[in-house]
């Protein structure tokens, strides 16, 4: 086990990230100890950023889903999105499967 401070980590991050792959590395941050954990991330191989879901929802691991979300966000930001208001008067129409 190696215990370092934040200055050590910032001055030589590669050294401590590599070391964390072989042994436990703790970073002293004030009164807390933060452990460096190396975790393989297969989504990086697909050029998808880390899963943004707090629950690690696998939906966000699919690059096509991220692409579609980004497309829809761009539509909203450019004021080209169509918004639908659902209320008790048109909810059956909105959920057309409910007949």
PDB file of N, CA and C in Angstrom:
ATOM      1  N   UNK A   1       0.852  -1.172   0.000  1.00  0.00           N
ATOM      2  CA  UNK A   1       0.000   0.000   0.000  1.00  0.00           C
ATOM      3  C   UNK A   1       0.897   1.233   0.000  1.00  0.00           C
ATOM      4  N   UNK A   2       0.513   2.208  -0.835  1.00  0.00           N
ATOM      5  CA  UNK A   2       1.234   3.468  -0.907  1.00  0.00           C
ATOM      6  C   UNK A   2       0.261   4.603  -0.607  1.00  0.00           C
ATOM      7  N   UNK A   3       0.682   5.514   0.250  1.00  0.00           N
ATOM      8  CA  UNK A   3      -0.135   6.684   0.562  1.00  0.00           C
ATOM      9  C   UNK A   3       0.615   7.913   0.063  1.00  0.00           C
ATOM     10  N   UNK A   4      -0.073   8.702  -0.777  1.00  0.00           N
ATOM     11  CA  UNK A   4       0.527   9.914  -1.339  1.00  0.00           C
ATOM     12  C   UNK A   4      -0.380  11.096  -1.035  1.00  0.00           C
ATOM     13  N   UNK A   5       0.079  12.300  -1.363  1.00  0.00           N
ATOM     14  CA  UNK A   5      -0.786  13.470  -1.223  1.00  0.00           C
ATOM     15  C   UNK A   5      -1.177  13.971  -2.612  1.00  0.00           C
ATOM     16  N   UNK A   6      -2.053  14.947  -2.667  1.00  0.00           N
ATOM     17  CA  UNK A   6      -2.554  15.433  -3.953  1.00  0.00           C
ATOM     18  C   UNK A   6      -1.448  16.063  -4.797  1.00  0.00           C
ATOM     19  N   UNK A   7      -0.459  16.654  -4.153  1.00  0.00           N
ATOM     20  CA  UNK A   7       0.652  17.259  -4.890  1.00  0.00           C
ATOM     21  C   UNK A   7       1.440  16.175  -5.626  1.00  0.00           C
ATOM     22  N   UNK A   8       1.681  15.047  -4.950  1.00  0.00           N
ATOM     23  CA  UNK A   8       2.372  13.935  -5.600  1.00  0.00           C
ATOM     24  C   UNK A   8       1.595  13.465  -6.828  1.00  0.00           C
ATOM     25  N   UNK A   9       0.279  13.335  -6.671  1.00  0.00           N
ATOM     26  CA  UNK A   9      -0.555  12.849  -7.767  1.00  0.00           C
ATOM     27  C   UNK A   9      -0.542  13.811  -8.941  1.00  0.00           C
ATOM     28  N   UNK A  10      -0.641  15.102  -8.674  1.00  0.00           N
ATOM     29  CA  UNK A  10      -0.664  16.074  -9.774  1.00  0.00           C
ATOM     30  C   UNK A  10       0.693  16.200 -10.446  1.00  0.00           C
ATOM     31  N   UNK A  11       1.752  16.025  -9.707  1.00  0.00           N
ATOM     32  CA  UNK A  11       3.074  16.176 -10.311  1.00  0.00           C
ATOM     33  C   UNK A  11       3.496  14.950 -11.118  1.00  0.00           C
ATOM     34  N   UNK A  12       2.960  13.789 -10.800  1.00  0.00           N
ATOM     35  CA  UNK A  12       3.342  12.584 -11.529  1.00  0.00           C
ATOM     36  C   UNK A  12       2.174  11.589 -11.602  1.00  0.00           C
ATOM     37  N   UNK A  13       1.093  11.949 -12.304  1.00  0.00           N
ATOM     38  CA  UNK A  13      -0.093  11.086 -12.319  1.00  0.00           C
ATOM     39  C   UNK A  13       0.163   9.715 -12.942  1.00  0.00           C
ATOM     40  N   UNK A  14       0.920   9.657 -14.040  1.00  0.00           N
ATOM     41  CA  UNK A  14       1.154   8.370 -14.705  1.00  0.00           C
ATOM     42  C   UNK A  14       1.792   7.366 -13.751  1.00  0.00           C
ATOM     43  N   UNK A  15       2.762   7.810 -12.990  1.00  0.00           N
ATOM     44  CA  UNK A  15       3.451   6.933 -12.041  1.00  0.00           C
ATOM     45  C   UNK A  15       2.452   6.288 -11.079  1.00  0.00           C
ATOM     46  N   UNK A  16       1.551   7.104 -10.525  1.00  0.00           N
ATOM     47  CA  UNK A  16       0.633   6.582  -9.510  1.00  0.00           C
ATOM     48  C   UNK A  16      -0.532   5.813 -10.118  1.00  0.00           C
ATOM     49  N   UNK A  17      -0.960   6.177 -11.341  1.00  0.00           N
ATOM     50  CA  UNK A  17      -1.992   5.382 -12.000  1.00  0.00           C
ATOM     51  C   UNK A  17      -1.439   4.001 -12.351  1.00  0.00           C
ATOM     52  N   UNK A  18      -0.210   3.959 -12.843  1.00  0.00           N
ATOM     53  CA  UNK A  18       0.410   2.667 -13.137  1.00  0.00           C
ATOM     54  C   UNK A  18       0.590   1.855 -11.854  1.00  0.00           C
ATOM     55  N   UNK A  19       1.018   2.508 -10.804  1.00  0.00           N
ATOM     56  CA  UNK A  19       1.216   1.830  -9.527  1.00  0.00           C
ATOM     57  C   UNK A  19      -0.102   1.268  -8.995  1.00  0.00           C
ATOM     58  N   UNK A  20      -1.199   2.006  -9.219  1.00  0.00           N
ATOM     59  CA  UNK A  20      -2.511   1.565  -8.734  1.00  0.00           C
ATOM     60  C   UNK A  20      -2.954   0.270  -9.417  1.00  0.00           C
ATOM     61  N   UNK A  21      -2.397  -0.015 -10.574  1.00  0.00           N
ATOM     62  CA  UNK A  21      -2.702  -1.277 -11.241  1.00  0.00           C
ATOM     63  C   UNK A  21      -2.033  -2.460 -10.560  1.00  0.00           C
ATOM     64  N   UNK A  22      -0.994  -2.182  -9.777  1.00  0.00           N
ATOM     65  CA  UNK A  22      -0.243  -3.261  -9.129  1.00  0.00           C
ATOM     66  C   UNK A  22      -0.483  -3.349  -7.625  1.00  0.00           C
ATOM     67  N   UNK A  23      -0.784  -2.221  -6.997  1.00  0.00           N
ATOM     68  CA  UNK A  23      -0.990  -2.226  -5.551  1.00  0.00           C
ATOM     69  C   UNK A  23      -1.980  -1.128  -5.167  1.00  0.00           C
ATOM     70  N   UNK A  24      -2.399  -1.150  -3.938  1.00  0.00           N
ATOM     71  CA  UNK A  24      -3.353  -0.160  -3.441  1.00  0.00           C
ATOM     72  C   UNK A  24      -2.644   1.184  -3.284  1.00  0.00           C
ATOM     73  N   UNK A  25      -3.244   2.229  -3.893  1.00  0.00           N
ATOM     74  CA  UNK A  25      -2.708   3.585  -3.774  1.00  0.00           C
ATOM     75  C   UNK A  25      -3.797   4.462  -3.161  1.00  0.00           C
ATOM     76  N   UNK A  26      -3.463   5.106  -2.051  1.00  0.00           N
ATOM     77  CA  UNK A  26      -4.383   6.010  -1.375  1.00  0.00           C
ATOM     78  C   UNK A  26      -3.842   7.427  -1.484  1.00  0.00           C
ATOM     79  N   UNK A  27      -4.731   8.378  -1.764  1.00  0.00           N
ATOM     80  CA  UNK A  27      -4.356   9.783  -1.870  1.00  0.00           C
ATOM     81  C   UNK A  27      -4.935  10.507  -0.663  1.00  0.00           C
ATOM     82  N   UNK A  28      -4.062  11.145   0.089  1.00  0.00           N
ATOM     83  CA  UNK A  28      -4.506  11.915   1.249  1.00  0.00           C
ATOM     84  C   UNK A  28      -5.047  13.249   0.740  1.00  0.00           C
ATOM     85  N   UNK A  29      -6.309  13.508   1.062  1.00  0.00           N
ATOM     86  CA  UNK A  29      -6.964  14.754   0.650  1.00  0.00           C
ATOM     87  C   UNK A  29      -7.615  15.341   1.895  1.00  0.00           C
ATOM     88  N   UNK A  30      -6.911  16.283   2.518  1.00  0.00           N
ATOM     89  CA  UNK A  30      -7.388  16.812   3.793  1.00  0.00           C
ATOM     90  C   UNK A  30      -7.348  15.707   4.820  1.00  0.00           C
ATOM     91  N   UNK A  31      -8.459  15.452   5.446  1.00  0.00           N
ATOM     92  CA  UNK A  31      -8.539  14.374   6.445  1.00  0.00           C
ATOM     93  C   UNK A  31      -9.033  13.062   5.853  1.00  0.00           C
ATOM     94  N   UNK A  32      -9.252  13.049   4.550  1.00  0.00           N
ATOM     95  CA  UNK A  32      -9.784  11.855   3.899  1.00  0.00           C
ATOM     96  C   UNK A  32      -8.689  11.141   3.121  1.00  0.00           C
ATOM     97  N   UNK A  33      -8.892   9.844   2.922  1.00  0.00           N
ATOM     98  CA  UNK A  33      -8.060   9.055   2.034  1.00  0.00           C
ATOM     99  C   UNK A  33      -8.930   8.614   0.865  1.00  0.00           C
ATOM    100  N   UNK A  34      -8.461   8.865  -0.354  1.00  0.00           N
ATOM    101  CA  UNK A  34      -9.180   8.499  -1.562  1.00  0.00           C
ATOM    102  C   UNK A  34      -8.373   7.415  -2.256  1.00  0.00           C
ATOM    103  N   UNK A  35      -9.030   6.303  -2.570  1.00  0.00           N
ATOM    104  CA  UNK A  35      -8.321   5.196  -3.204  1.00  0.00           C
ATOM    105  C   UNK A  35      -8.362   5.335  -4.719  1.00  0.00           C
ATOM    106  N   UNK A  36      -7.212   5.150  -5.359  1.00  0.00           N
ATOM    107  CA  UNK A  36      -7.157   5.092  -6.816  1.00  0.00           C
ATOM    108  C   UNK A  36      -7.515   3.673  -7.230  1.00  0.00           C
ATOM    109  N   UNK A  37      -8.521   3.539  -8.070  1.00  0.00           N
ATOM    110  CA  UNK A  37      -8.975   2.223  -8.508  1.00  0.00           C
ATOM    111  C   UNK A  37      -8.900   2.176 -10.028  1.00  0.00           C
ATOM    112  N   UNK A  38      -8.224   1.188 -10.533  1.00  0.00           N
ATOM    113  CA  UNK A  38      -8.129   0.996 -11.976  1.00  0.00           C
ATOM    114  C   UNK A  38      -9.259   0.063 -12.388  1.00  0.00           C
ATOM    115  N   UNK A  39     -10.051   0.530 -13.336  1.00  0.00           N
ATOM    116  CA  UNK A  39     -11.198  -0.246 -13.794  1.00  0.00           C
ATOM    117  C   UNK A  39     -11.202  -0.227 -15.311  1.00  0.00           C
ATOM    118  N   UNK A  40     -11.221  -1.389 -15.921  1.00  0.00           N
ATOM    119  CA  UNK A  40     -11.254  -1.445 -17.376  1.00  0.00           C
ATOM    120  C   UNK A  40     -12.624  -0.983 -17.860  1.00  0.00           C
ATOM    121  N   UNK A  41     -12.610  -0.160 -18.872  1.00  0.00           N
ATOM    122  CA  UNK A  41     -13.854   0.380 -19.391  1.00  0.00           C
ATOM    123  C   UNK A  41     -13.954   0.043 -20.864  1.00  0.00           C
ATOM    124  N   UNK A  42     -14.776  -0.935 -21.200  1.00  0.00           N
ATOM    125  CA  UNK A  42     -14.908  -1.369 -22.583  1.00  0.00           C
ATOM    126  C   UNK A  42     -15.616  -0.336 -23.450  1.00  0.00           C
ATOM    127  N   UNK A  43     -16.394   0.551 -22.843  1.00  0.00           N
ATOM    128  CA  UNK A  43     -17.078   1.563 -23.646  1.00  0.00           C
ATOM    129  C   UNK A  43     -16.087   2.534 -24.253  1.00  0.00           C
ATOM    130  N   UNK A  44     -14.915   2.724 -23.635  1.00  0.00           N
ATOM    131  CA  UNK A  44     -13.918   3.607 -24.219  1.00  0.00           C
ATOM    132  C   UNK A  44     -13.424   3.058 -25.544  1.00  0.00           C
ATOM    133  N   UNK A  45     -13.410   1.739 -25.669  1.00  0.00           N
ATOM    134  CA  UNK A  45     -12.988   1.129 -26.921  1.00  0.00           C
ATOM    135  C   UNK A  45     -13.982   1.423 -28.037  1.00  0.00           C
ATOM    136  N   UNK A  46     -15.211   1.740 -27.678  1.00  0.00           N
ATOM    137  CA  UNK A  46     -16.243   2.076 -28.656  1.00  0.00           C
ATOM    138  C   UNK A  46     -16.325   3.583 -28.876  1.00  0.00           C
ATOM    139  N   UNK A  47     -15.420   4.326 -28.280  1.00  0.00           N
ATOM    140  CA  UNK A  47     -15.406   5.788 -28.368  1.00  0.00           C
ATOM    141  C   UNK A  47     -16.674   6.396 -27.780  1.00  0.00           C
ATOM    142  N   UNK A  48     -17.177   5.781 -26.728  1.00  0.00           N
ATOM    143  CA  UNK A  48     -18.324   6.311 -26.011  1.00  0.00           C
ATOM    144  C   UNK A  48     -17.821   6.763 -24.652  1.00  0.00           C
ATOM    145  N   UNK A  49     -18.205   7.947 -24.196  1.00  0.00           N
ATOM    146  CA  UNK A  49     -17.745   8.395 -22.883  1.00  0.00           C
ATOM    147  C   UNK A  49     -18.261   7.484 -21.776  1.00  0.00           C
ATOM    148  N   UNK A  50     -17.715   7.662 -20.596  1.00  0.00           N
ATOM    149  CA  UNK A  50     -18.173   6.873 -19.467  1.00  0.00           C
ATOM    150  C   UNK A  50     -19.679   6.974 -19.329  1.00  0.00           C
ATOM    151  N   UNK A  51     -20.286   5.920 -18.900  1.00  0.00           N
ATOM    152  CA  UNK A  51     -21.734   5.868 -18.745  1.00  0.00           C
ATOM    153  C   UNK A  51     -22.195   6.986 -17.805  1.00  0.00           C
ATOM    154  N   UNK A  52     -23.007   7.920 -18.307  1.00  0.00           N
ATOM    155  CA  UNK A  52     -23.433   9.052 -17.480  1.00  0.00           C
ATOM    156  C   UNK A  52     -24.539   8.715 -16.487  1.00  0.00           C
ATOM    157  N   UNK A  53     -25.070   7.518 -16.579  1.00  0.00           N
ATOM    158  CA  UNK A  53     -26.181   7.149 -15.706  1.00  0.00           C
ATOM    159  C   UNK A  53     -25.692   6.840 -14.301  1.00  0.00           C
ATOM    160  N   UNK A  54     -26.307   7.470 -13.285  1.00  0.00           N
ATOM    161  CA  UNK A  54     -25.913   7.158 -11.907  1.00  0.00           C
ATOM    162  C   UNK A  54     -26.121   5.686 -11.554  1.00  0.00           C
ATOM    163  N   UNK A  55     -27.078   5.033 -12.220  1.00  0.00           N
ATOM    164  CA  UNK A  55     -27.339   3.621 -11.942  1.00  0.00           C
ATOM    165  C   UNK A  55     -26.605   2.711 -12.921  1.00  0.00           C
ATOM    166  N   UNK A  56     -25.752   3.306 -13.779  1.00  0.00           N
ATOM    167  CA  UNK A  56     -24.986   2.566 -14.776  1.00  0.00           C
ATOM    168  C   UNK A  56     -25.896   1.810 -15.742  1.00  0.00           C
ATOM    169  N   UNK A  57     -26.989   2.458 -16.148  1.00  0.00           N
ATOM    170  CA  UNK A  57     -27.968   1.889 -17.062  1.00  0.00           C
ATOM    171  C   UNK A  57     -27.272   1.495 -18.373  1.00  0.00           C
ATOM    172  N   UNK A  58     -27.378   0.230 -18.808  1.00  0.00           N
ATOM    173  CA  UNK A  58     -26.701  -0.215 -20.027  1.00  0.00           C
ATOM    174  C   UNK A  58     -27.204   0.471 -21.293  1.00  0.00           C
ATOM    175  N   UNK A  59     -28.353   1.125 -21.240  1.00  0.00           N
ATOM    176  CA  UNK A  59     -28.851   1.880 -22.391  1.00  0.00           C
ATOM    177  C   UNK A  59     -27.795   2.872 -22.877  1.00  0.00           C
ATOM    178  N   UNK A  60     -27.062   3.459 -21.948  1.00  0.00           N
ATOM    179  CA  UNK A  60     -26.084   4.479 -22.297  1.00  0.00           C
ATOM    180  C   UNK A  60     -24.763   3.894 -22.776  1.00  0.00           C
ATOM    181  N   UNK A  61     -24.618   2.575 -22.771  1.00  0.00           N
ATOM    182  CA  UNK A  61     -23.416   1.940 -23.308  1.00  0.00           C
ATOM    183  C   UNK A  61     -23.483   1.772 -24.820  1.00  0.00           C
ATOM    184  N   UNK A  62     -24.670   1.923 -25.382  1.00  0.00           N
ATOM    185  CA  UNK A  62     -24.866   1.743 -26.824  1.00  0.00           C
ATOM    186  C   UNK A  62     -24.584   3.056 -27.546  1.00  0.00           C
ATOM    187  N   UNK A  63     -23.580   3.108 -28.425  1.00  0.00           N
ATOM    188  CA  UNK A  63     -23.244   4.348 -29.128  1.00  0.00           C
ATOM    189  C   UNK A  63     -24.400   4.920 -29.949  1.00  0.00           C
ATOM    190  N   UNK A  64     -25.261   4.044 -30.485  1.00  0.00           N
ATOM    191  CA  UNK A  64     -26.406   4.524 -31.263  1.00  0.00           C
ATOM    192  C   UNK A  64     -27.394   5.290 -30.383  1.00  0.00           C
ATOM    193  N   UNK A  65     -27.580   4.839 -29.151  1.00  0.00           N
ATOM    194  CA  UNK A  65     -28.473   5.540 -28.233  1.00  0.00           C
ATOM    195  C   UNK A  65     -27.919   6.920 -27.892  1.00  0.00           C
ATOM    196  N   UNK A  66     -26.618   6.996 -27.654  1.00  0.00           N
ATOM    197  CA  UNK A  66     -25.982   8.282 -27.349  1.00  0.00           C
ATOM    198  C   UNK A  66     -26.100   9.217 -28.545  1.00  0.00           C
ATOM    199  N   UNK A  67     -25.898   8.673 -29.739  1.00  0.00           N
ATOM    200  CA  UNK A  67     -26.014   9.475 -30.965  1.00  0.00           C
ATOM    201  C   UNK A  67     -27.432  10.066 -31.096  1.00  0.00           C
ATOM    202  N   UNK A  68     -28.443   9.237 -30.833  1.00  0.00           N
ATOM    203  CA  UNK A  68     -29.833   9.699 -30.925  1.00  0.00           C
ATOM    204  C   UNK A  68     -30.146  10.748 -29.858  1.00  0.00           C
ATOM    205  N   UNK A  69     -29.662  10.534 -28.651  1.00  0.00           N
ATOM    206  CA  UNK A  69     -29.864  11.531 -27.595  1.00  0.00           C
ATOM    207  C   UNK A  69     -29.224  12.861 -27.967  1.00  0.00           C
ATOM    208  N   UNK A  70     -28.002  12.813 -28.488  1.00  0.00           N
ATOM    209  CA  UNK A  70     -27.322  14.050 -28.901  1.00  0.00           C
ATOM    210  C   UNK A  70     -28.085  14.752 -30.029  1.00  0.00           C
ATOM    211  N   UNK A  71     -28.653  13.959 -30.955  1.00  0.00           N
ATOM    212  CA  UNK A  71     -29.450  14.541 -32.044  1.00  0.00           C
ATOM    213  C   UNK A  71     -30.667  15.270 -31.487  1.00  0.00           C
ATOM    214  N   UNK A  72     -31.333  14.632 -30.538  1.00  0.00           N
ATOM    215  CA  UNK A  72     -32.533  15.246 -29.963  1.00  0.00           C
ATOM    216  C   UNK A  72     -32.196  16.467 -29.113  1.00  0.00           C
ATOM    217  N   UNK A  73     -31.087  16.419 -28.406  1.00  0.00           N
ATOM    218  CA  UNK A  73     -30.650  17.587 -27.629  1.00  0.00           C
ATOM    219  C   UNK A  73     -30.368  18.753 -28.571  1.00  0.00           C
ATOM    220  N   UNK A  74     -29.735  18.470 -29.711  1.00  0.00           N
ATOM    221  CA  UNK A  74     -29.453  19.523 -30.694  1.00  0.00           C
ATOM    222  C   UNK A  74     -30.750  20.129 -31.223  1.00  0.00           C
ATOM    223  N   UNK A  75     -31.771  19.303 -31.453  1.00  0.00           N
ATOM    224  CA  UNK A  75     -33.074  19.815 -31.901  1.00  0.00           C
ATOM    225  C   UNK A  75     -33.678  20.748 -30.861  1.00  0.00           C
ATOM    226  N   UNK A  76     -33.602  20.358 -29.617  1.00  0.00           N
ATOM    227  CA  UNK A  76     -34.154  21.196 -28.544  1.00  0.00           C
ATOM    228  C   UNK A  76     -33.393  22.514 -28.458  1.00  0.00           C
ATOM    229  N   UNK A  77     -32.070  22.433 -28.489  1.00  0.00           N
ATOM    230  CA  UNK A  77     -31.257  23.646 -28.363  1.00  0.00           C
ATOM    231  C   UNK A  77     -31.430  24.595 -29.543  1.00  0.00           C
ATOM    232  N   UNK A  78     -31.794  24.063 -30.712  1.00  0.00           N
ATOM    233  CA  UNK A  78     -31.997  24.915 -31.886  1.00  0.00           C
ATOM    234  C   UNK A  78     -33.467  25.299 -32.074  1.00  0.00           C
ATOM    235  N   UNK A  79     -34.289  25.035 -31.069  1.00  0.00           N
ATOM    236  CA  UNK A  79     -35.718  25.347 -31.097  1.00  0.00           C
ATOM    237  C   UNK A  79     -36.449  24.696 -32.262  1.00  0.00           C
ATOM    238  N   UNK A  80     -36.000  23.525 -32.690  1.00  0.00           N
ATOM    239  CA  UNK A  80     -36.651  22.801 -33.778  1.00  0.00           C
ATOM    240  C   UNK A  80     -37.439  21.592 -33.279  1.00  0.00           C
ATOM    241  N   UNK A  81     -37.429  21.363 -31.996  1.00  0.00           N
ATOM    242  CA  UNK A  81     -38.138  20.208 -31.434  1.00  0.00           C
ATOM    243  C   UNK A  81     -39.623  20.515 -31.316  1.00  0.00           C
ATOM    244  N   UNK A  82     -40.417  19.477 -31.497  1.00  0.00           N
ATOM    245  CA  UNK A  82     -41.861  19.611 -31.323  1.00  0.00           C
ATOM    246  C   UNK A  82     -42.204  19.093 -29.930  1.00  0.00           C
ATOM    247  N   UNK A  83     -42.836  19.923 -29.152  1.00  0.00           N
ATOM    248  CA  UNK A  83     -43.207  19.546 -27.788  1.00  0.00           C
ATOM    249  C   UNK A  83     -44.681  19.192 -27.749  1.00  0.00           C
ATOM    250  N   UNK A  84     -44.994  18.167 -27.014  1.00  0.00           N
ATOM    251  CA  UNK A  84     -46.363  17.703 -26.878  1.00  0.00           C
ATOM    252  C   UNK A  84     -46.755  17.820 -25.405  1.00  0.00           C
ATOM    253  N   UNK A  85     -47.887  18.430 -25.169  1.00  0.00           N
ATOM    254  CA  UNK A  85     -48.397  18.520 -23.805  1.00  0.00           C
ATOM    255  C   UNK A  85     -49.427  17.423 -23.610  1.00  0.00           C
ATOM    256  N   UNK A  86     -49.233  16.645 -22.598  1.00  0.00           N
ATOM    257  CA  UNK A  86     -50.163  15.553 -22.301  1.00  0.00           C
ATOM    258  C   UNK A  86     -50.898  15.918 -21.026  1.00  0.00           C
ATOM    259  N   UNK A  87     -52.209  15.886 -21.113  1.00  0.00           N
ATOM    260  CA  UNK A  87     -53.020  16.117 -19.928  1.00  0.00           C
ATOM    261  C   UNK A  87     -54.142  15.092 -19.898  1.00  0.00           C
ATOM    262  N   UNK A  88     -55.006  15.204 -18.935  1.00  0.00           N
ATOM    263  CA  UNK A  88     -56.052  14.189 -18.777  1.00  0.00           C
ATOM    264  C   UNK A  88     -57.016  14.158 -19.960  1.00  0.00           C
ATOM    265  N   UNK A  89     -57.082  15.221 -20.761  1.00  0.00           N
ATOM    266  CA  UNK A  89     -57.993  15.252 -21.900  1.00  0.00           C
ATOM    267  C   UNK A  89     -57.452  14.507 -23.113  1.00  0.00           C
ATOM    268  N   UNK A  90     -56.123  14.415 -23.250  1.00  0.00           N
ATOM    269  CA  UNK A  90     -55.581  13.761 -24.439  1.00  0.00           C
ATOM    270  C   UNK A  90     -54.638  12.594 -24.116  1.00  0.00           C
ATOM    271  N   UNK A  91     -54.666  12.137 -22.903  1.00  0.00           N
ATOM    272  CA  UNK A  91     -53.732  11.074 -22.530  1.00  0.00           C
ATOM    273  C   UNK A  91     -54.018   9.777 -23.280  1.00  0.00           C
ATOM    274  N   UNK A  92     -55.289   9.462 -23.534  1.00  0.00           N
ATOM    275  CA  UNK A  92     -55.605   8.242 -24.282  1.00  0.00           C
ATOM    276  C   UNK A  92     -55.093   8.340 -25.717  1.00  0.00           C
ATOM    277  N   UNK A  93     -55.166   9.512 -26.296  1.00  0.00           N
ATOM    278  CA  UNK A  93     -54.656   9.729 -27.639  1.00  0.00           C
ATOM    279  C   UNK A  93     -53.116   9.600 -27.647  1.00  0.00           C
ATOM    280  N   UNK A  94     -52.497  10.134 -26.615  1.00  0.00           N
ATOM    281  CA  UNK A  94     -51.030  10.067 -26.526  1.00  0.00           C
ATOM    282  C   UNK A  94     -50.565   8.615 -26.405  1.00  0.00           C
ATOM    283  N   UNK A  95     -51.234   7.859 -25.549  1.00  0.00           N
ATOM    284  CA  UNK A  95     -50.931   6.434 -25.398  1.00  0.00           C
ATOM    285  C   UNK A  95     -51.925   5.664 -26.245  1.00  0.00           C
ATOM    286  N   UNK A  96     -51.738   5.696 -27.569  1.00  0.00           N
ATOM    287  CA  UNK A  96     -52.714   5.136 -28.493  1.00  0.00           C
ATOM    288  C   UNK A  96     -52.890   3.626 -28.322  1.00  0.00           C
ATOM    289  N   UNK A  97     -51.948   2.967 -27.670  1.00  0.00           N
ATOM    290  CA  UNK A  97     -52.096   1.536 -27.441  1.00  0.00           C
ATOM    291  C   UNK A  97     -53.205   1.260 -26.439  1.00  0.00           C
ATOM    292  N   UNK A  98     -53.553   2.266 -25.650  1.00  0.00           N
ATOM    293  CA  UNK A  98     -54.602   2.096 -24.640  1.00  0.00           C
ATOM    294  C   UNK A  98     -55.944   2.429 -25.281  1.00  0.00           C
ATOM    295  N   UNK A  99     -56.761   1.410 -25.544  1.00  0.00           N
ATOM    296  CA  UNK A  99     -58.046   1.647 -26.216  1.00  0.00           C
ATOM    297  C   UNK A  99     -59.197   1.139 -25.391  1.00  0.00           C
TER     298      UNK A  99
END
